[in-house]
Protein backbone atom coordinates (compact mmCIF):
# COMPACT_ATOMS: atom_id res chain seq x y z
CA MET A 1 -0.92 14.75 -1.39
CA VAL A 2 -0.48 11.75 0.93
CA GLN A 3 0.10 8.37 -0.67
CA LEU A 4 0.99 4.85 0.29
CA ARG A 5 4.60 3.73 -0.17
CA VAL A 6 3.78 0.02 -0.06
CA LEU A 7 5.66 -0.77 -3.29
CA ASP A 8 8.79 0.91 -1.91
CA ILE A 9 8.56 -1.10 1.33
CA LEU A 10 8.09 -4.34 -0.62
CA LYS A 11 11.24 -3.58 -2.59
CA GLU A 12 13.19 -2.77 0.57
CA GLN A 13 12.06 -6.10 2.08
CA ASN A 14 12.66 -8.11 -1.10
CA HIS A 15 9.00 -9.10 -1.38
CA THR A 16 6.78 -9.00 -4.44
CA LYS A 17 3.42 -7.34 -4.87
CA TYR A 18 2.00 -10.84 -5.51
CA TRP A 19 3.42 -12.02 -2.17
CA LEU A 20 1.55 -9.18 -0.39
CA TYR A 21 -1.62 -9.77 -2.39
CA LYS A 22 -1.73 -13.39 -1.22
CA GLN A 23 -1.49 -12.18 2.41
CA MET A 24 -4.36 -9.68 2.08
CA ASN A 25 -8.02 -10.60 1.95
CA LEU A 26 -8.91 -8.37 -1.02
CA SER A 27 -9.83 -8.80 -4.65
CA TYR A 28 -6.83 -8.23 -6.87
CA GLN A 29 -8.49 -5.20 -8.46
CA ASN A 30 -9.00 -3.48 -5.08
CA PHE A 31 -5.58 -4.53 -3.84
CA ASN A 32 -3.87 -3.16 -6.95
CA ARG A 33 -5.72 0.16 -6.78
CA MET A 34 -4.70 0.55 -3.14
CA VAL A 35 -0.98 -0.18 -3.53
CA THR A 36 -0.63 1.88 -6.74
CA ASN A 37 -2.37 4.90 -5.13
CA GLN A 38 -5.34 4.85 -7.46
CA THR A 39 -7.94 5.15 -4.72
CA SER A 40 -9.03 8.06 -2.61
CA SER A 41 -9.77 6.10 0.55
CA ILE A 42 -8.50 3.10 2.44
CA ARG A 43 -10.11 1.12 5.28
CA PHE A 44 -8.49 1.12 8.71
CA GLU A 45 -8.54 -2.67 8.69
CA ASN A 46 -6.47 -2.70 5.51
CA LEU A 47 -3.95 -0.26 7.01
CA ASP A 48 -3.74 -2.51 10.08
CA ALA A 49 -3.21 -5.59 7.86
CA LEU A 50 -0.48 -3.82 5.80
CA SER A 51 1.32 -2.71 8.93
CA ARG A 52 1.18 -6.21 10.45
CA ILE A 53 2.19 -8.07 7.31
CA LEU A 54 4.98 -5.66 6.37
CA ASP A 55 6.09 -5.46 10.07
CA CYS A 56 6.29 -1.66 10.08
CA PRO A 57 4.57 1.17 11.93
CA ILE A 58 1.47 2.50 10.19
CA GLY A 59 3.18 5.90 9.72
CA ASP A 60 5.88 4.26 7.59
CA LEU A 61 3.24 3.27 5.06
CA PHE A 62 2.72 6.90 4.01
CA GLU A 63 4.62 9.67 2.34
CA LYS A 64 3.64 13.24 1.58
CA THR A 65 4.29 14.48 -1.94
CA ASP A 66 4.08 18.01 -3.37
CA PHE A 67 2.12 16.99 -6.42
CA PRO A 68 -0.82 14.67 -7.00
CA GLU A 69 0.08 11.27 -8.45
CA GLN A 70 -0.49 11.03 -12.19
CA LYS A 71 -3.04 8.32 -12.84
CA PRO A 72 -2.33 6.08 -15.83
């Protein structure tokens, strides 16, 4: 399974999830689902915004895991 590693990047950059939320033009519910990998799709414009705001290549936003993420 492919998932976003936004929370890891935020930690590496010493930023909070709230900081990123304020930068994005999304409702908190949609933003939270996206960064906690609780969605099955993501818009290209959101990927572009994440890459720009976090100042990293789009490929760095993803990681491949062997098992599906457990949803709370």
